[in-house]
Protein backbone atom coordinates (compact mmCIF):
# COMPACT_ATOMS: atom_id res chain seq x y z
CA MET A 1 0.00 0.00 0.00
CA LYS A 2 1.28 3.46 -0.83
CA SER A 3 1.94 5.85 2.02
CA GLY A 4 -0.18 8.98 2.34
CA HIS A 5 2.83 11.11 1.44
CA SER A 6 3.58 9.26 -1.81
CA ARG A 7 -0.14 9.28 -2.76
CA GLN A 8 -0.23 13.04 -2.21
CA GLN A 9 2.92 13.50 -4.32
CA ARG A 10 1.41 11.35 -7.09
CA ARG A 11 -1.88 13.32 -6.96
CA GLN A 12 0.01 16.62 -7.20
CA GLN A 13 2.02 15.27 -10.14
CA GLN A 14 -1.21 14.22 -11.87
CA GLU A 15 -2.74 17.66 -11.21
CA ALA A 16 0.29 19.31 -12.83
CA GLN A 17 0.13 16.94 -15.81
CA LEU A 18 -3.59 17.61 -16.32
CA ALA A 19 -3.11 21.39 -15.96
CA THR A 20 -0.32 21.31 -18.55
CA HIS A 21 -2.44 19.21 -20.91
CA PHE A 22 -5.57 21.34 -20.72
CA SER A 23 -3.65 24.63 -20.99
CA SER A 24 -1.63 23.55 -24.03
CA PRO A 25 -2.50 25.26 -27.33
CA SER A 26 -3.38 21.89 -28.89
CA ALA A 27 -5.93 21.01 -26.19
CA PRO A 28 -9.63 21.51 -26.89
CA ARG A 29 -10.83 24.82 -25.44
CA LEU A 30 -12.61 24.55 -22.09
CA HIS A 31 -15.45 26.98 -21.44
CA ALA A 32 -16.19 25.99 -17.84
CA ILE A 33 -14.93 23.79 -15.02
CA TYR A 34 -17.17 22.06 -12.48
CA SER A 35 -16.05 19.97 -9.55
CA SER A 36 -17.24 18.10 -6.53
CA ASP A 37 -16.93 20.37 -3.52
CA LEU A 38 -14.81 17.82 -1.66
CA THR A 39 -11.11 18.50 -1.09
CA ARG A 40 -9.23 16.34 -3.59
CA CYS A 41 -11.50 17.14 -6.51
CA LYS A 42 -11.45 20.85 -5.61
CA GLN A 43 -7.64 20.85 -5.58
CA THR A 44 -7.43 19.10 -8.94
CA ALA A 45 -10.02 21.37 -10.56
CA GLU A 46 -8.33 24.51 -9.24
CA ALA A 47 -4.94 23.30 -10.52
CA ILE A 48 -6.44 22.79 -13.99
CA GLY A 49 -8.39 26.05 -13.95
CA ALA A 50 -5.58 28.34 -12.75
CA PRO A 51 -3.49 28.47 -15.96
CA LEU A 52 -6.70 28.87 -17.98
CA SER A 53 -8.01 31.69 -15.77
CA LEU A 54 -11.22 29.70 -15.34
CA GLN A 55 -13.08 29.86 -12.06
CA VAL A 56 -14.19 26.47 -10.78
CA ASN A 57 -17.89 25.94 -10.05
CA PHE A 58 -18.25 23.62 -7.05
CA SER A 59 -21.24 21.32 -6.82
CA PRO A 60 -22.24 18.98 -4.00
CA GLN A 61 -24.22 17.09 -6.66
CA LEU A 62 -20.88 15.78 -8.00
CA ARG A 63 -19.93 14.22 -4.67
CA GLU A 64 -19.27 10.50 -4.33
CA ARG A 65 -22.11 8.18 -3.36
CA HIS A 66 -23.17 8.56 0.27
CA LEU A 67 -23.07 5.28 2.19
CA GLY A 68 -24.97 6.39 5.28
CA LEU A 69 -23.61 4.79 8.45
CA LEU A 70 -20.75 3.31 6.45
CA GLN A 71 -19.61 6.67 5.06
CA GLY A 72 -15.86 7.17 5.46
CA LEU A 73 -15.22 3.71 6.91
CA THR A 74 -13.01 1.02 5.46
CA ILE A 75 -14.55 -2.46 5.16
CA LYS A 76 -12.54 -3.51 8.24
CA GLU A 77 -13.74 -0.49 10.24
CA ALA A 78 -17.33 -1.06 9.08
CA ALA A 79 -17.18 -4.71 10.20
CA THR A 80 -16.18 -3.55 13.68
CA GLN A 81 -18.09 -0.29 14.08
CA GLN A 82 -21.24 -0.89 11.98
CA PRO A 83 -21.55 -4.66 11.47
CA LEU A 84 -25.35 -4.57 11.07
CA ALA A 85 -25.19 -1.84 8.43
CA LEU A 86 -22.46 -3.75 6.57
CA GLN A 87 -24.49 -6.94 6.78
CA CYS A 88 -27.59 -5.10 5.55
CA LEU A 89 -25.59 -3.82 2.60
CA GLY A 90 -24.61 -7.43 1.97
CA GLY A 91 -20.91 -6.60 1.92
CA SER A 92 -21.48 -4.80 -1.37
CA THR A 93 -21.46 -1.10 -2.10
CA SER A 94 -23.61 -1.69 -5.19
CA ARG A 95 -26.90 -1.60 -3.24
CA LYS A 96 -28.59 0.61 -0.72
CA ILE A 97 -29.10 -0.77 2.77
CA PRO A 98 -32.72 -1.95 2.72
CA ALA A 99 -35.03 0.18 4.91
CA GLU A 100 -36.87 -2.91 6.16
CA SER A 101 -33.59 -4.16 7.70
CA GLY A 102 -34.08 -1.87 10.67
CA CYS A 103 -30.77 -0.16 9.88
CA VAL A 104 -30.84 3.60 10.08
CA GLY A 105 -28.77 5.92 7.92
CA GLN A 106 -29.15 3.82 4.79
CA GLY A 107 -27.35 6.28 2.53
CA GLU A 108 -27.78 6.44 -1.21
CA SER A 109 -28.49 3.62 -3.67
CA VAL A 110 -26.66 3.32 -6.99
CA ASP A 111 -29.91 4.29 -8.76
CA GLU A 112 -30.21 7.41 -6.57
CA LEU A 113 -26.58 8.29 -7.31
CA CYS A 114 -27.20 7.88 -11.04
CA SER A 115 -30.30 10.07 -10.91
CA ARG A 116 -28.48 12.80 -8.97
CA VAL A 117 -25.44 12.76 -11.24
CA SER A 118 -27.50 12.61 -14.44
CA ALA A 119 -29.61 15.60 -13.42
CA GLU A 120 -26.53 17.65 -12.53
CA ILE A 121 -24.68 16.82 -15.74
CA GLU A 122 -27.76 17.64 -17.83
CA ARG A 123 -28.11 20.94 -15.92
CA ILE A 124 -24.46 21.79 -16.65
CA ALA A 125 -24.83 20.82 -20.32
CA ALA A 126 -27.93 23.03 -20.63
CA GLN A 127 -25.93 25.98 -19.26
CA HIS A 128 -23.18 25.44 -21.84
CA PRO A 129 -24.83 24.48 -25.17
CA GLY A 130 -22.22 23.84 -27.85
CA GLN A 131 -19.42 24.34 -25.32
CA ARG A 132 -16.99 22.09 -23.52
CA ALA A 133 -17.24 21.84 -19.72
CA LEU A 134 -14.72 19.88 -17.66
CA LEU A 135 -16.06 17.98 -14.65
CA VAL A 136 -13.72 16.79 -11.91
CA ALA A 137 -15.43 14.06 -9.93
CA HIS A 138 -15.12 10.83 -7.98
CA GLY A 139 -15.11 7.25 -9.27
CA GLY A 140 -18.74 6.55 -8.38
CA VAL A 141 -19.88 9.73 -10.14
CA ILE A 142 -17.86 8.82 -13.22
CA ALA A 143 -19.33 5.29 -13.20
CA ALA A 144 -22.84 6.76 -12.85
CA ALA A 145 -22.24 9.01 -15.87
CA HIS A 146 -21.03 6.03 -17.90
CA ARG A 147 -24.04 3.99 -16.80
CA ARG A 148 -26.39 6.83 -17.87
CA ALA A 149 -24.68 7.15 -21.26
CA THR A 150 -24.45 3.44 -22.08
CA GLY A 151 -26.76 1.54 -19.75
CA GLU A 152 -23.75 -0.55 -18.76
CA GLN A 153 -21.45 -0.70 -15.74
CA ALA A 154 -18.13 1.04 -16.38
CA ALA A 155 -14.79 -0.44 -15.46
CA ARG A 156 -13.14 1.21 -12.46
CA ALA A 157 -12.09 4.77 -13.28
CA HIS A 158 -8.42 5.51 -12.68
CA ASN A 159 -7.44 8.72 -10.92
CA GLY A 160 -6.72 11.42 -13.46
CA CYS A 161 -8.17 9.55 -16.43
CA ILE A 162 -10.03 11.56 -19.05
CA ASN A 163 -13.54 10.51 -20.03
CA VAL A 164 -15.39 12.41 -22.73
CA LEU A 165 -19.18 12.48 -22.97
CA ARG A 166 -21.41 14.40 -25.35
CA VAL A 167 -24.62 15.47 -23.62
CA GLN A 168 -27.39 17.25 -25.49
CA GLY A 169 -30.61 17.37 -23.51
CA ASN A 170 -31.34 13.79 -22.49
CA LYS A 171 -29.17 12.31 -25.27
CA TRP A 172 -25.85 11.07 -23.98
CA ALA A 173 -22.95 9.47 -25.87
CA VAL A 174 -19.50 8.28 -24.86
CA VAL A 175 -16.90 9.89 -27.10
CA SER A 176 -13.89 8.33 -25.35
CA TRP A 177 -13.37 6.60 -22.02
CA GLY A 178 -10.58 5.86 -19.55
CA ASP A 179 -7.75 7.75 -21.26
CA ILE A 180 -4.76 7.65 -18.89
CA SER A 181 -2.21 8.81 -21.46
CA ILE A 182 -1.81 12.19 -19.71
CA VAL A 183 -1.19 10.85 -16.18
CA GLY A 184 0.18 7.39 -16.88
CA ASP A 185 -0.91 4.25 -15.09
CA ALA A 186 -2.86 5.27 -12.02
CA SER A 187 -4.13 1.79 -11.19
CA GLY A 188 -2.39 1.71 -7.81
CA ASN A 189 -4.36 4.71 -6.57
CA PHE A 190 -7.41 4.49 -4.38
CA GLY A 191 -9.95 7.23 -3.81
CA GLY A 192 -12.79 7.74 -1.34
CA GLY A 193 -13.06 8.70 2.28
CA GLU A 194 -13.89 12.02 3.85
CA GLY A 195 -11.41 14.14 1.88
CA GLY A 196 -13.03 13.21 -1.40
């Protein structure tokens, strides 16, 4: 497992690589930047926006899926601190904890995440017709966008990968997906937790 210090260094390196890419004359012009309002996404979006003189629009609607009582816990911590909630979830983060289980703080289902993310992306697209907006978000949000565009589950999104969607009203299309050529192999990275 990577130490926190080396993960932070790698994240900062990826931020610099993405900022250089998006500010290069050959890069497609960005008209707006949106980001989750959680720390790591904010930092990445601000690093990309700075050389472009673009202000970042922060949106809580681009936050990662909320897991209720399990929010911010590792599987090991959840097994110790919230065993009933973990059991109710069935050991899987793909479902919502069923209300009839008696568990409180059920969090957000994958369908609820997809609805939230889809509505926010369509709102952003409507504000920027014919323009290119960059969204900096978490893995679950990226997977939800892919699911909305294709109806299929996306492979795990790597930190710093570039995914391109075309959204016009309620018509979505994947233009390209999972491009890690700018940041290199980020498969050893892991996101999540409170910092976002």
